[in-house]
Amino acid sequence: MGILPAVSFDRLEARRPGQTRCLTSAERDSCCLFANFVIVRQFLEFVIRQLVDFPDEVVLSEAPSGKATVFRLAMRQTDVGRIIGRNGQTIQAIRTLLASAASRHGERATLEIVE
């Protein structure tokens, strides 16, 4: 069984059956950062899948780039136009939502469309 994070007072603890220990600050920070980007990624996937005709063919990958994370989006060629939108308004709105969601968790994120 894996480690299940649990909040106890002001400390994040890792619990295994029959064992409890406090996480180091580095472990706690990496756990929280990972959890934050899972939330941001799920949000981004939800928004994009609602806009395209073939949501099962959307592939979203992420790559850390310095202080920011770059999300790369691959999909059917016919869906690219729906994501970009007229004069790029839709992709700009998605990028604004992504930046806002990431900043709520103290991070920076950008979105690229891969063809």
PDB file of N, CA and C in Angstrom:
ATOM      1  N   MET A   1       0.850  -1.175   0.000  1.00  0.00           N
ATOM      2  CA  MET A   1       0.000   0.000   0.000  1.00  0.00           C
ATOM      3  C   MET A   1       0.893   1.235   0.000  1.00  0.00           C
ATOM      4  N   GLY A   2       0.517   2.276  -0.697  1.00  0.00           N
ATOM      5  CA  GLY A   2       1.319   3.492  -0.806  1.00  0.00           C
ATOM      6  C   GLY A   2       1.177   4.404   0.401  1.00  0.00           C
ATOM      7  N   ILE A   3       1.877   5.504   0.335  1.00  0.00           N
ATOM      8  CA  ILE A   3       1.842   6.499   1.403  1.00  0.00           C
ATOM      9  C   ILE A   3       0.616   7.373   1.211  1.00  0.00           C
ATOM     10  N   LEU A   4      -0.161   7.540   2.253  1.00  0.00           N
ATOM     11  CA  LEU A   4      -1.353   8.379   2.193  1.00  0.00           C
ATOM     12  C   LEU A   4      -1.097   9.647   2.988  1.00  0.00           C
ATOM     13  N   PRO A   5      -1.056  10.828   2.349  1.00  0.00           N
ATOM     14  CA  PRO A   5      -0.830  12.052   3.115  1.00  0.00           C
ATOM     15  C   PRO A   5      -2.052  12.392   3.952  1.00  0.00           C
ATOM     16  N   ALA A   6      -1.807  12.858   5.154  1.00  0.00           N
ATOM     17  CA  ALA A   6      -2.889  13.279   6.041  1.00  0.00           C
ATOM     18  C   ALA A   6      -2.426  14.498   6.810  1.00  0.00           C
ATOM     19  N   VAL A   7      -3.317  15.426   7.044  1.00  0.00           N
ATOM     20  CA  VAL A   7      -2.973  16.644   7.764  1.00  0.00           C
ATOM     21  C   VAL A   7      -3.252  16.421   9.242  1.00  0.00           C
ATOM     22  N   SER A   8      -2.254  16.658  10.065  1.00  0.00           N
ATOM     23  CA  SER A   8      -2.414  16.527  11.504  1.00  0.00           C
ATOM     24  C   SER A   8      -1.849  17.788  12.138  1.00  0.00           C
ATOM     25  N   PHE A   9      -2.704  18.603  12.712  1.00  0.00           N
ATOM     26  CA  PHE A   9      -2.349  19.905  13.244  1.00  0.00           C
ATOM     27  C   PHE A   9      -1.724  20.728  12.127  1.00  0.00           C
ATOM     28  N   ASP A  10      -0.468  21.150  12.262  1.00  0.00           N
ATOM     29  CA  ASP A  10       0.182  21.930  11.209  1.00  0.00           C
ATOM     30  C   ASP A  10       1.215  21.101  10.454  1.00  0.00           C
ATOM     31  N   ARG A  11       1.201  19.792  10.638  1.00  0.00           N
ATOM     32  CA  ARG A  11       2.204  18.949  10.003  1.00  0.00           C
ATOM     33  C   ARG A  11       1.540  18.003   9.022  1.00  0.00           C
ATOM     34  N   LEU A  12       2.245  17.713   7.929  1.00  0.00           N
ATOM     35  CA  LEU A  12       1.785  16.727   6.977  1.00  0.00           C
ATOM     36  C   LEU A  12       2.488  15.424   7.318  1.00  0.00           C
ATOM     37  N   GLU A  13       1.736  14.381   7.560  1.00  0.00           N
ATOM     38  CA  GLU A  13       2.324  13.116   7.960  1.00  0.00           C
ATOM     39  C   GLU A  13       2.089  12.075   6.882  1.00  0.00           C
ATOM     40  N   ALA A  14       3.009  11.116   6.804  1.00  0.00           N
ATOM     41  CA  ALA A  14       2.843   9.988   5.896  1.00  0.00           C
ATOM     42  C   ALA A  14       2.427   8.792   6.740  1.00  0.00           C
ATOM     43  N   ARG A  15       1.374   8.110   6.325  1.00  0.00           N
ATOM     44  CA  ARG A  15       0.877   6.993   7.123  1.00  0.00           C
ATOM     45  C   ARG A  15       0.969   5.700   6.327  1.00  0.00           C
ATOM     46  N   ARG A  16       1.599   4.734   6.928  1.00  0.00           N
ATOM     47  CA  ARG A  16       1.610   3.376   6.436  1.00  0.00           C
ATOM     48  C   ARG A  16       0.945   2.538   7.510  1.00  0.00           C
ATOM     49  N   PRO A  17       0.479   1.372   7.171  1.00  0.00           N
ATOM     50  CA  PRO A  17      -0.152   0.553   8.209  1.00  0.00           C
ATOM     51  C   PRO A  17       0.800   0.319   9.376  1.00  0.00           C
ATOM     52  N   GLY A  18       0.410   0.783  10.544  1.00  0.00           N
ATOM     53  CA  GLY A  18       1.213   0.579  11.744  1.00  0.00           C
ATOM     54  C   GLY A  18       2.400   1.505  11.888  1.00  0.00           C
ATOM     55  N   GLN A  19       2.542   2.537  11.042  1.00  0.00           N
ATOM     56  CA  GLN A  19       3.717   3.408  11.099  1.00  0.00           C
ATOM     57  C   GLN A  19       3.313   4.845  10.779  1.00  0.00           C
ATOM     58  N   THR A  20       3.855   5.789  11.536  1.00  0.00           N
ATOM     59  CA  THR A  20       3.604   7.202  11.285  1.00  0.00           C
ATOM     60  C   THR A  20       4.913   7.955  11.424  1.00  0.00           C
ATOM     61  N   ARG A  21       5.178   8.844  10.492  1.00  0.00           N
ATOM     62  CA  ARG A  21       6.363   9.699  10.585  1.00  0.00           C
ATOM     63  C   ARG A  21       6.051  11.037   9.951  1.00  0.00           C
ATOM     64  N   CYS A  22       6.775  12.073  10.348  1.00  0.00           N
ATOM     65  CA  CYS A  22       6.598  13.400   9.774  1.00  0.00           C
ATOM     66  C   CYS A  22       7.409  13.510   8.502  1.00  0.00           C
ATOM     67  N   LEU A  23       6.842  14.160   7.506  1.00  0.00           N
ATOM     68  CA  LEU A  23       7.571  14.404   6.268  1.00  0.00           C
ATOM     69  C   LEU A  23       8.532  15.567   6.456  1.00  0.00           C
ATOM     70  N   THR A  24       9.654  15.519   5.743  1.00  0.00           N
ATOM     71  CA  THR A  24      10.566  16.651   5.753  1.00  0.00           C
ATOM     72  C   THR A  24       9.929  17.785   4.967  1.00  0.00           C
ATOM     73  N   SER A  25      10.467  18.985   5.112  1.00  0.00           N
ATOM     74  CA  SER A  25       9.894  20.125   4.393  1.00  0.00           C
ATOM     75  C   SER A  25      10.017  19.939   2.887  1.00  0.00           C
ATOM     76  N   ALA A  26      11.121  19.334   2.415  1.00  0.00           N
ATOM     77  CA  ALA A  26      11.288  19.100   0.979  1.00  0.00           C
ATOM     78  C   ALA A  26      10.252  18.099   0.473  1.00  0.00           C
ATOM     79  N   GLU A  27      10.002  17.033   1.247  1.00  0.00           N
ATOM     80  CA  GLU A  27       8.989  16.055   0.852  1.00  0.00           C
ATOM     81  C   GLU A  27       7.609  16.688   0.836  1.00  0.00           C
ATOM     82  N   ARG A  28       7.318  17.506   1.831  1.00  0.00           N
ATOM     83  CA  ARG A  28       6.020  18.159   1.921  1.00  0.00           C
ATOM     84  C   ARG A  28       5.820  19.123   0.750  1.00  0.00           C
ATOM     85  N   ASP A  29       6.862  19.903   0.422  1.00  0.00           N
ATOM     86  CA  ASP A  29       6.750  20.854  -0.681  1.00  0.00           C
ATOM     87  C   ASP A  29       6.561  20.143  -2.010  1.00  0.00           C
ATOM     88  N   SER A  30       7.326  19.056  -2.257  1.00  0.00           N
ATOM     89  CA  SER A  30       7.185  18.346  -3.530  1.00  0.00           C
ATOM     90  C   SER A  30       5.829  17.677  -3.620  1.00  0.00           C
ATOM     91  N   CYS A  31       5.323  17.171  -2.515  1.00  0.00           N
ATOM     92  CA  CYS A  31       3.986  16.552  -2.493  1.00  0.00           C
ATOM     93  C   CYS A  31       2.921  17.598  -2.815  1.00  0.00           C
ATOM     94  N   CYS A  32       3.021  18.765  -2.208  1.00  0.00           N
ATOM     95  CA  CYS A  32       2.036  19.823  -2.432  1.00  0.00           C
ATOM     96  C   CYS A  32       2.113  20.356  -3.848  1.00  0.00           C
ATOM     97  N   LEU A  33       3.342  20.537  -4.387  1.00  0.00           N
ATOM     98  CA  LEU A  33       3.480  21.022  -5.756  1.00  0.00           C
ATOM     99  C   LEU A  33       2.890  20.029  -6.734  1.00  0.00           C
ATOM    100  N   PHE A  34       3.152  18.739  -6.500  1.00  0.00           N
ATOM    101  CA  PHE A  34       2.603  17.712  -7.368  1.00  0.00           C
ATOM    102  C   PHE A  34       1.076  17.746  -7.324  1.00  0.00           C
ATOM    103  N   ALA A  35       0.519  17.848  -6.151  1.00  0.00           N
ATOM    104  CA  ALA A  35      -0.936  17.884  -5.998  1.00  0.00           C
ATOM    105  C   ALA A  35      -1.519  19.116  -6.685  1.00  0.00           C
ATOM    106  N   ASN A  36      -0.823  20.261  -6.572  1.00  0.00           N
ATOM    107  CA  ASN A  36      -1.315  21.478  -7.210  1.00  0.00           C
ATOM    108  C   ASN A  36      -1.366  21.330  -8.722  1.00  0.00           C
ATOM    109  N   PHE A  37      -0.321  20.750  -9.325  1.00  0.00           N
ATOM    110  CA  PHE A  37      -0.322  20.625 -10.772  1.00  0.00           C
ATOM    111  C   PHE A  37      -1.277  19.550 -11.253  1.00  0.00           C
ATOM    112  N   VAL A  38      -1.599  18.593 -10.415  1.00  0.00           N
ATOM    113  CA  VAL A  38      -2.629  17.624 -10.790  1.00  0.00           C
ATOM    114  C   VAL A  38      -3.963  18.354 -10.922  1.00  0.00           C
ATOM    115  N   ILE A  39      -4.249  19.249 -10.002  1.00  0.00           N
ATOM    116  CA  ILE A  39      -5.489  20.017 -10.052  1.00  0.00           C
ATOM    117  C   ILE A  39      -5.518  20.914 -11.280  1.00  0.00           C
ATOM    118  N   VAL A  40      -4.420  21.609 -11.558  1.00  0.00           N
ATOM    119  CA  VAL A  40      -4.337  22.497 -12.725  1.00  0.00           C
ATOM    120  C   VAL A  40      -4.476  21.693 -14.007  1.00  0.00           C
ATOM    121  N   ARG A  41      -3.820  20.538 -14.067  1.00  0.00           N
ATOM    122  CA  ARG A  41      -3.893  19.695 -15.257  1.00  0.00           C
ATOM    123  C   ARG A  41      -5.322  19.190 -15.479  1.00  0.00           C
ATOM    124  N   GLN A  42      -5.987  18.740 -14.417  1.00  0.00           N
ATOM    125  CA  GLN A  42      -7.361  18.269 -14.552  1.00  0.00           C
ATOM    126  C   GLN A  42      -8.281  19.391 -15.023  1.00  0.00           C
ATOM    127  N   PHE A  43      -8.073  20.584 -14.502  1.00  0.00           N
ATOM    128  CA  PHE A  43      -8.866  21.737 -14.929  1.00  0.00           C
ATOM    129  C   PHE A  43      -8.666  22.009 -16.418  1.00  0.00           C
ATOM    130  N   LEU A  44      -7.409  22.020 -16.847  1.00  0.00           N
ATOM    131  CA  LEU A  44      -7.090  22.297 -18.248  1.00  0.00           C
ATOM    132  C   LEU A  44      -7.679  21.220 -19.157  1.00  0.00           C
ATOM    133  N   GLU A  45      -7.529  19.954 -18.785  1.00  0.00           N
ATOM    134  CA  GLU A  45      -8.093  18.876 -19.586  1.00  0.00           C
ATOM    135  C   GLU A  45      -9.611  18.998 -19.693  1.00  0.00           C
ATOM    136  N   PHE A  46     -10.267  19.341 -18.603  1.00  0.00           N
ATOM    137  CA  PHE A  46     -11.730  19.488 -18.625  1.00  0.00           C
ATOM    138  C   PHE A  46     -12.155  20.574 -19.608  1.00  0.00           C
ATOM    139  N   VAL A  47     -11.516  21.723 -19.547  1.00  0.00           N
ATOM    140  CA  VAL A  47     -11.879  22.837 -20.431  1.00  0.00           C
ATOM    141  C   VAL A  47     -11.669  22.461 -21.889  1.00  0.00           C
ATOM    142  N   ILE A  48     -10.535  21.851 -22.191  1.00  0.00           N
ATOM    143  CA  ILE A  48     -10.217  21.520 -23.584  1.00  0.00           C
ATOM    144  C   ILE A  48     -11.143  20.431 -24.108  1.00  0.00           C
ATOM    145  N   ARG A  49     -11.385  19.412 -23.307  1.00  0.00           N
ATOM    146  CA  ARG A  49     -12.247  18.307 -23.763  1.00  0.00           C
ATOM    147  C   ARG A  49     -13.686  18.766 -24.010  1.00  0.00           C
ATOM    148  N   GLN A  50     -14.127  19.813 -23.364  1.00  0.00           N
ATOM    149  CA  GLN A  50     -15.473  20.328 -23.591  1.00  0.00           C
ATOM    150  C   GLN A  50     -15.578  21.062 -24.925  1.00  0.00           C
ATOM    151  N   LEU A  51     -14.452  21.528 -25.453  1.00  0.00           N
ATOM    152  CA  LEU A  51     -14.473  22.332 -26.677  1.00  0.00           C
ATOM    153  C   LEU A  51     -14.290  21.534 -27.964  1.00  0.00           C
ATOM    154  N   VAL A  52     -13.645  20.378 -27.896  1.00  0.00           N
ATOM    155  CA  VAL A  52     -13.283  19.651 -29.112  1.00  0.00           C
ATOM    156  C   VAL A  52     -14.351  18.626 -29.484  1.00  0.00           C
ATOM    157  N   ASP A  53     -14.328  18.192 -30.765  1.00  0.00           N
ATOM    158  CA  ASP A  53     -15.257  17.178 -31.250  1.00  0.00           C
ATOM    159  C   ASP A  53     -14.829  15.765 -30.866  1.00  0.00           C
ATOM    160  N   PHE A  54     -13.521  15.544 -30.725  1.00  0.00           N
ATOM    161  CA  PHE A  54     -12.987  14.222 -30.404  1.00  0.00           C
ATOM    162  C   PHE A  54     -12.184  14.298 -29.098  1.00  0.00           C
ATOM    163  N   PRO A  55     -12.854  14.328 -27.943  1.00  0.00           N
ATOM    164  CA  PRO A  55     -12.152  14.504 -26.675  1.00  0.00           C
ATOM    165  C   PRO A  55     -11.236  13.336 -26.301  1.00  0.00           C
ATOM    166  N   ASP A  56     -11.511  12.142 -26.834  1.00  0.00           N
ATOM    167  CA  ASP A  56     -10.669  10.990 -26.501  1.00  0.00           C
ATOM    168  C   ASP A  56      -9.297  11.064 -27.165  1.00  0.00           C
ATOM    169  N   GLU A  57      -9.150  11.898 -28.185  1.00  0.00           N
ATOM    170  CA  GLU A  57      -7.878  12.004 -28.899  1.00  0.00           C
ATOM    171  C   GLU A  57      -7.027  13.171 -28.423  1.00  0.00           C
ATOM    172  N   VAL A  58      -7.442  13.844 -27.383  1.00  0.00           N
ATOM    173  CA  VAL A  58      -6.666  14.947 -26.813  1.00  0.00           C
ATOM    174  C   VAL A  58      -5.560  14.358 -25.947  1.00  0.00           C
ATOM    175  N   VAL A  59      -4.323  14.788 -26.193  1.00  0.00           N
ATOM    176  CA  VAL A  59      -3.178  14.349 -25.400  1.00  0.00           C
ATOM    177  C   VAL A  59      -2.536  15.591 -24.789  1.00  0.00           C
ATOM    178  N   LEU A  60      -2.506  15.629 -23.467  1.00  0.00           N
ATOM    179  CA  LEU A  60      -1.926  16.754 -22.755  1.00  0.00           C
ATOM    180  C   LEU A  60      -0.714  16.257 -21.979  1.00  0.00           C
ATOM    181  N   SER A  61       0.454  16.824 -22.286  1.00  0.00           N
ATOM    182  CA  SER A  61       1.674  16.463 -21.561  1.00  0.00           C
ATOM    183  C   SER A  61       2.227  17.715 -20.918  1.00  0.00           C
ATOM    184  N   GLU A  62       3.061  17.519 -19.913  1.00  0.00           N
ATOM    185  CA  GLU A  62       3.645  18.664 -19.218  1.00  0.00           C
ATOM    186  C   GLU A  62       5.140  18.465 -19.083  1.00  0.00           C
ATOM    187  N   ALA A  63       5.855  19.588 -19.145  1.00  0.00           N
ATOM    188  CA  ALA A  63       7.299  19.558 -19.010  1.00  0.00           C
ATOM    189  C   ALA A  63       7.732  20.757 -18.175  1.00  0.00           C
ATOM    190  N   PRO A  64       8.449  20.510 -17.090  1.00  0.00           N
ATOM    191  CA  PRO A  64       8.932  21.638 -16.291  1.00  0.00           C
ATOM    192  C   PRO A  64       9.972  22.434 -17.072  1.00  0.00           C
ATOM    193  N   SER A  65       9.874  23.735 -16.980  1.00  0.00           N
ATOM    194  CA  SER A  65      10.792  24.617 -17.699  1.00  0.00           C
ATOM    195  C   SER A  65      11.183  25.755 -16.766  1.00  0.00           C
ATOM    196  N   GLY A  66      12.228  25.536 -15.984  1.00  0.00           N
ATOM    197  CA  GLY A  66      12.647  26.553 -15.023  1.00  0.00           C
ATOM    198  C   GLY A  66      11.620  26.712 -13.930  1.00  0.00           C
ATOM    199  N   LYS A  67      11.123  27.921 -13.751  1.00  0.00           N
ATOM    200  CA  LYS A  67      10.126  28.191 -12.717  1.00  0.00           C
ATOM    201  C   LYS A  67       8.702  27.945 -13.188  1.00  0.00           C
ATOM    202  N   ALA A  68       8.529  27.630 -14.454  1.00  0.00           N
ATOM    203  CA  ALA A  68       7.189  27.430 -15.012  1.00  0.00           C
ATOM    204  C   ALA A  68       7.040  25.999 -15.515  1.00  0.00           C
ATOM    205  N   THR A  69       5.822  25.617 -15.768  1.00  0.00           N
ATOM    206  CA  THR A  69       5.515  24.331 -16.384  1.00  0.00           C
ATOM    207  C   THR A  69       4.860  24.608 -17.722  1.00  0.00           C
ATOM    208  N   VAL A  70       5.333  23.910 -18.743  1.00  0.00           N
ATOM    209  CA  VAL A  70       4.793  24.069 -20.085  1.00  0.00           C
ATOM    210  C   VAL A  70       3.896  22.873 -20.369  1.00  0.00           C
ATOM    211  N   PHE A  71       2.629  23.131 -20.632  1.00  0.00           N
ATOM    212  CA  PHE A  71       1.691  22.091 -21.029  1.00  0.00           C
ATOM    213  C   PHE A  71       1.662  22.062 -22.549  1.00  0.00           C
ATOM    214  N   ARG A  72       1.853  20.861 -23.122  1.00  0.00           N
ATOM    215  CA  ARG A  72       1.824  20.692 -24.572  1.00  0.00           C
ATOM    216  C   ARG A  72       0.564  19.920 -24.941  1.00  0.00           C
ATOM    217  N   LEU A  73      -0.166  20.456 -25.896  1.00  0.00           N
ATOM    218  CA  LEU A  73      -1.460  19.916 -26.273  1.00  0.00           C
ATOM    219  C   LEU A  73      -1.402  19.378 -27.695  1.00  0.00           C
ATOM    220  N   ALA A  74      -1.734  18.088 -27.852  1.00  0.00           N
ATOM    221  CA  ALA A  74      -1.802  17.461 -29.174  1.00  0.00           C
ATOM    222  C   ALA A  74      -3.219  16.936 -29.363  1.00  0.00           C
ATOM    223  N   MET A  75      -3.751  17.113 -30.580  1.00  0.00           N
ATOM    224  CA  MET A  75      -5.113  16.672 -30.874  1.00  0.00           C
ATOM    225  C   MET A  75      -5.272  16.528 -32.376  1.00  0.00           C
ATOM    226  N   ARG A  76      -6.465  16.142 -32.806  1.00  0.00           N
ATOM    227  CA  ARG A  76      -6.762  16.063 -34.234  1.00  0.00           C
ATOM    228  C   ARG A  76      -6.629  17.425 -34.879  1.00  0.00           C
ATOM    229  N   GLN A  77      -6.218  17.411 -36.121  1.00  0.00           N
ATOM    230  CA  GLN A  77      -6.040  18.664 -36.859  1.00  0.00           C
ATOM    231  C   GLN A  77      -7.354  19.431 -36.975  1.00  0.00           C
ATOM    232  N   THR A  78      -8.458  18.722 -37.082  1.00  0.00           N
ATOM    233  CA  THR A  78      -9.752  19.398 -37.214  1.00  0.00           C
ATOM    234  C   THR A  78     -10.155  20.122 -35.930  1.00  0.00           C
ATOM    235  N   ASP A  79      -9.646  19.669 -34.801  1.00  0.00           N
ATOM    236  CA  ASP A  79      -9.978  20.299 -33.520  1.00  0.00           C
ATOM    237  C   ASP A  79      -9.080  21.490 -33.183  1.00  0.00           C
ATOM    238  N   VAL A  80      -7.960  21.613 -33.869  1.00  0.00           N
ATOM    239  CA  VAL A  80      -7.039  22.713 -33.577  1.00  0.00           C
ATOM    240  C   VAL A  80      -7.724  24.055 -33.804  1.00  0.00           C
ATOM    241  N   GLY A  81      -8.486  24.171 -34.870  1.00  0.00           N
ATOM    242  CA  GLY A  81      -9.190  25.417 -35.153  1.00  0.00           C
ATOM    243  C   GLY A  81     -10.206  25.784 -34.081  1.00  0.00           C
ATOM    244  N   ARG A  82     -10.846  24.770 -33.512  1.00  0.00           N
ATOM    245  CA  ARG A  82     -11.814  25.045 -32.443  1.00  0.00           C
ATOM    246  C   ARG A  82     -11.120  25.557 -31.195  1.00  0.00           C
ATOM    247  N   ILE A  83      -9.924  25.058 -30.909  1.00  0.00           N
ATOM    248  CA  ILE A  83      -9.182  25.498 -29.723  1.00  0.00           C
ATOM    249  C   ILE A  83      -8.601  26.895 -29.939  1.00  0.00           C
ATOM    250  N   ILE A  84      -8.109  27.162 -31.142  1.00  0.00           N
ATOM    251  CA  ILE A  84      -7.528  28.483 -31.410  1.00  0.00           C
ATOM    252  C   ILE A  84      -8.625  29.541 -31.459  1.00  0.00           C
ATOM    253  N   GLY A  85      -9.718  29.237 -32.131  1.00  0.00           N
ATOM    254  CA  GLY A  85     -10.836  30.177 -32.189  1.00  0.00           C
ATOM    255  C   GLY A  85     -10.606  31.309 -33.170  1.00  0.00           C
ATOM    256  N   ARG A  86     -11.611  32.148 -33.291  1.00  0.00           N
ATOM    257  CA  ARG A  86     -11.535  33.271 -34.206  1.00  0.00           C
ATOM    258  C   ARG A  86     -10.543  34.298 -33.681  1.00  0.00           C
ATOM    259  N   ASN A  87      -9.550  34.625 -34.495  1.00  0.00           N
ATOM    260  CA  ASN A  87      -8.475  35.568 -34.142  1.00  0.00           C
ATOM    261  C   ASN A  87      -7.721  35.165 -32.874  1.00  0.00           C
ATOM    262  N   GLY A  88      -7.738  33.865 -32.547  1.00  0.00           N
ATOM    263  CA  GLY A  88      -6.996  33.382 -31.386  1.00  0.00           C
ATOM    264  C   GLY A  88      -7.625  33.714 -30.049  1.00  0.00           C
ATOM    265  N   GLN A  89      -8.886  34.098 -30.056  1.00  0.00           N
ATOM    266  CA  GLN A  89      -9.534  34.499 -28.811  1.00  0.00           C
ATOM    267  C   GLN A  89      -9.732  33.335 -27.850  1.00  0.00           C
ATOM    268  N   THR A  90     -10.058  32.146 -28.377  1.00  0.00           N
ATOM    269  CA  THR A  90     -10.308  31.002 -27.505  1.00  0.00           C
ATOM    270  C   THR A  90      -9.026  30.529 -26.830  1.00  0.00           C
ATOM    271  N   ILE A  91      -7.947  30.394 -27.587  1.00  0.00           N
ATOM    272  CA  ILE A  91      -6.684  29.942 -26.989  1.00  0.00           C
ATOM    273  C   ILE A  91      -6.166  30.972 -25.989  1.00  0.00           C
ATOM    274  N   GLN A  92      -6.377  32.236 -26.279  1.00  0.00           N
ATOM    275  CA  GLN A  92      -5.956  33.279 -25.345  1.00  0.00           C
ATOM    276  C   GLN A  92      -6.750  33.188 -24.045  1.00  0.00           C
ATOM    277  N   ALA A  93      -8.056  32.900 -24.147  1.00  0.00           N
ATOM    278  CA  ALA A  93      -8.879  32.737 -22.947  1.00  0.00           C
ATOM    279  C   ALA A  93      -8.451  31.509 -22.147  1.00  0.00           C
ATOM    280  N   ILE A  94      -8.134  30.400 -22.837  1.00  0.00           N
ATOM    281  CA  ILE A  94      -7.672  29.195 -22.150  1.00  0.00           C
ATOM    282  C   ILE A  94      -6.349  29.471 -21.446  1.00  0.00           C
ATOM    283  N   ARG A  95      -5.433  30.165 -22.119  1.00  0.00           N
ATOM    284  CA  ARG A  95      -4.137  30.486 -21.499  1.00  0.00           C
ATOM    285  C   ARG A  95      -4.317  31.401 -20.283  1.00  0.00           C
ATOM    286  N   THR A  96      -5.272  32.319 -20.350  1.00  0.00           N
ATOM    287  CA  THR A  96      -5.551  33.195 -19.210  1.00  0.00           C
ATOM    288  C   THR A  96      -6.100  32.388 -18.038  1.00  0.00           C
ATOM    289  N   LEU A  97      -7.030  31.468 -18.317  1.00  0.00           N
ATOM    290  CA  LEU A  97      -7.558  30.600 -17.260  1.00  0.00           C
ATOM    291  C   LEU A  97      -6.466  29.730 -16.655  1.00  0.00           C
ATOM    292  N   LEU A  98      -5.579  29.197 -17.502  1.00  0.00           N
ATOM    293  CA  LEU A  98      -4.476  28.368 -17.023  1.00  0.00           C
ATOM    294  C   LEU A  98      -3.541  29.168 -16.126  1.00  0.00           C
ATOM    295  N   ALA A  99      -3.182  30.373 -16.552  1.00  0.00           N
ATOM    296  CA  ALA A  99      -2.289  31.216 -15.748  1.00  0.00           C
ATOM    297  C   ALA A  99      -2.939  31.569 -14.412  1.00  0.00           C
ATOM    298  N   SER A 100      -4.235  31.823 -14.434  1.00  0.00           N
ATOM    299  CA  SER A 100      -4.954  32.151 -13.208  1.00  0.00           C
ATOM    300  C   SER A 100      -5.005  30.949 -12.261  1.00  0.00           C
ATOM    301  N   ALA A 101      -5.329  29.775 -12.802  1.00  0.00           N
ATOM    302  CA  ALA A 101      -5.395  28.567 -11.971  1.00  0.00           C
ATOM    303  C   ALA A 101      -4.032  28.229 -11.383  1.00  0.00           C
ATOM    304  N   ALA A 102      -2.976  28.379 -12.171  1.00  0.00           N
ATOM    305  CA  ALA A 102      -1.628  28.083 -11.676  1.00  0.00           C
ATOM    306  C   ALA A 102      -1.199  29.099 -10.625  1.00  0.00           C
ATOM    307  N   SER A 103      -1.533  30.357 -10.821  1.00  0.00           N
ATOM    308  CA  SER A 103      -1.117  31.382  -9.866  1.00  0.00           C
ATOM    309  C   SER A 103      -1.825  31.225  -8.526  1.00  0.00           C
ATOM    310  N   ARG A 104      -3.021  30.652  -8.527  1.00  0.00           N
ATOM    311  CA  ARG A 104      -3.722  30.382  -7.263  1.00  0.00           C
ATOM    312  C   ARG A 104      -2.942  29.403  -6.393  1.00  0.00           C
ATOM    313  N   HIS A 105      -2.115  28.579  -7.060  1.00  0.00           N
ATOM    314  CA  HIS A 105      -1.296  27.606  -6.342  1.00  0.00           C
ATOM    315  C   HIS A 105       0.163  28.033  -6.288  1.00  0.00           C
ATOM    316  N   GLY A 106       0.428  29.298  -6.616  1.00  0.00           N
ATOM    317  CA  GLY A 106       1.788  29.822  -6.525  1.00  0.00           C
ATOM    318  C   GLY A 106       2.721  29.336  -7.615  1.00  0.00           C
ATOM    319  N   GLU A 107       2.191  28.980  -8.758  1.00  0.00           N
ATOM    320  CA  GLU A 107       2.998  28.458  -9.857  1.00  0.00           C
ATOM    321  C   GLU A 107       2.766  29.270 -11.121  1.00  0.00           C
ATOM    322  N   ARG A 108       3.581  28.986 -12.148  1.00  0.00           N
ATOM    323  CA  ARG A 108       3.401  29.591 -13.460  1.00  0.00           C
ATOM    324  C   ARG A 108       3.250  28.470 -14.471  1.00  0.00           C
ATOM    325  N   ALA A 109       2.387  28.665 -15.452  1.00  0.00           N
ATOM    326  CA  ALA A 109       2.159  27.637 -16.462  1.00  0.00           C
ATOM    327  C   ALA A 109       1.812  28.292 -17.793  1.00  0.00           C
ATOM    328  N   THR A 110       2.230  27.635 -18.865  1.00  0.00           N
ATOM    329  CA  THR A 110       1.906  28.093 -20.208  1.00  0.00           C
ATOM    330  C   THR A 110       1.374  26.911 -21.009  1.00  0.00           C
ATOM    331  N   LEU A 111       0.724  27.200 -22.128  1.00  0.00           N
ATOM    332  CA  LEU A 111       0.135  26.179 -22.976  1.00  0.00           C
ATOM    333  C   LEU A 111       0.638  26.340 -24.405  1.00  0.00           C
ATOM    334  N   GLU A 112       1.105  25.230 -24.988  1.00  0.00           N
ATOM    335  CA  GLU A 112       1.542  25.212 -26.385  1.00  0.00           C
ATOM    336  C   GLU A 112       0.724  24.169 -27.128  1.00  0.00           C
ATOM    337  N   ILE A 113       0.385  24.459 -28.369  1.00  0.00           N
ATOM    338  CA  ILE A 113      -0.300  23.485 -29.218  1.00  0.00           C
ATOM    339  C   ILE A 113       0.744  22.831 -30.107  1.00  0.00           C
ATOM    340  N   VAL A 114       0.822  21.512 -30.041  1.00  0.00           N
ATOM    341  CA  VAL A 114       1.776  20.735 -30.844  1.00  0.00           C
ATOM    342  C   VAL A 114       1.022  20.167 -32.032  1.00  0.00           C
ATOM    343  N   GLU A 115       1.560  20.383 -33.220  1.00  0.00           N
ATOM    344  CA  GLU A 115       0.893  19.857 -34.422  1.00  0.00           C
ATOM    345  C   GLU A 115       1.620  18.665 -34.956  1.00  0.00           C
TER     346      GLU A 115
END
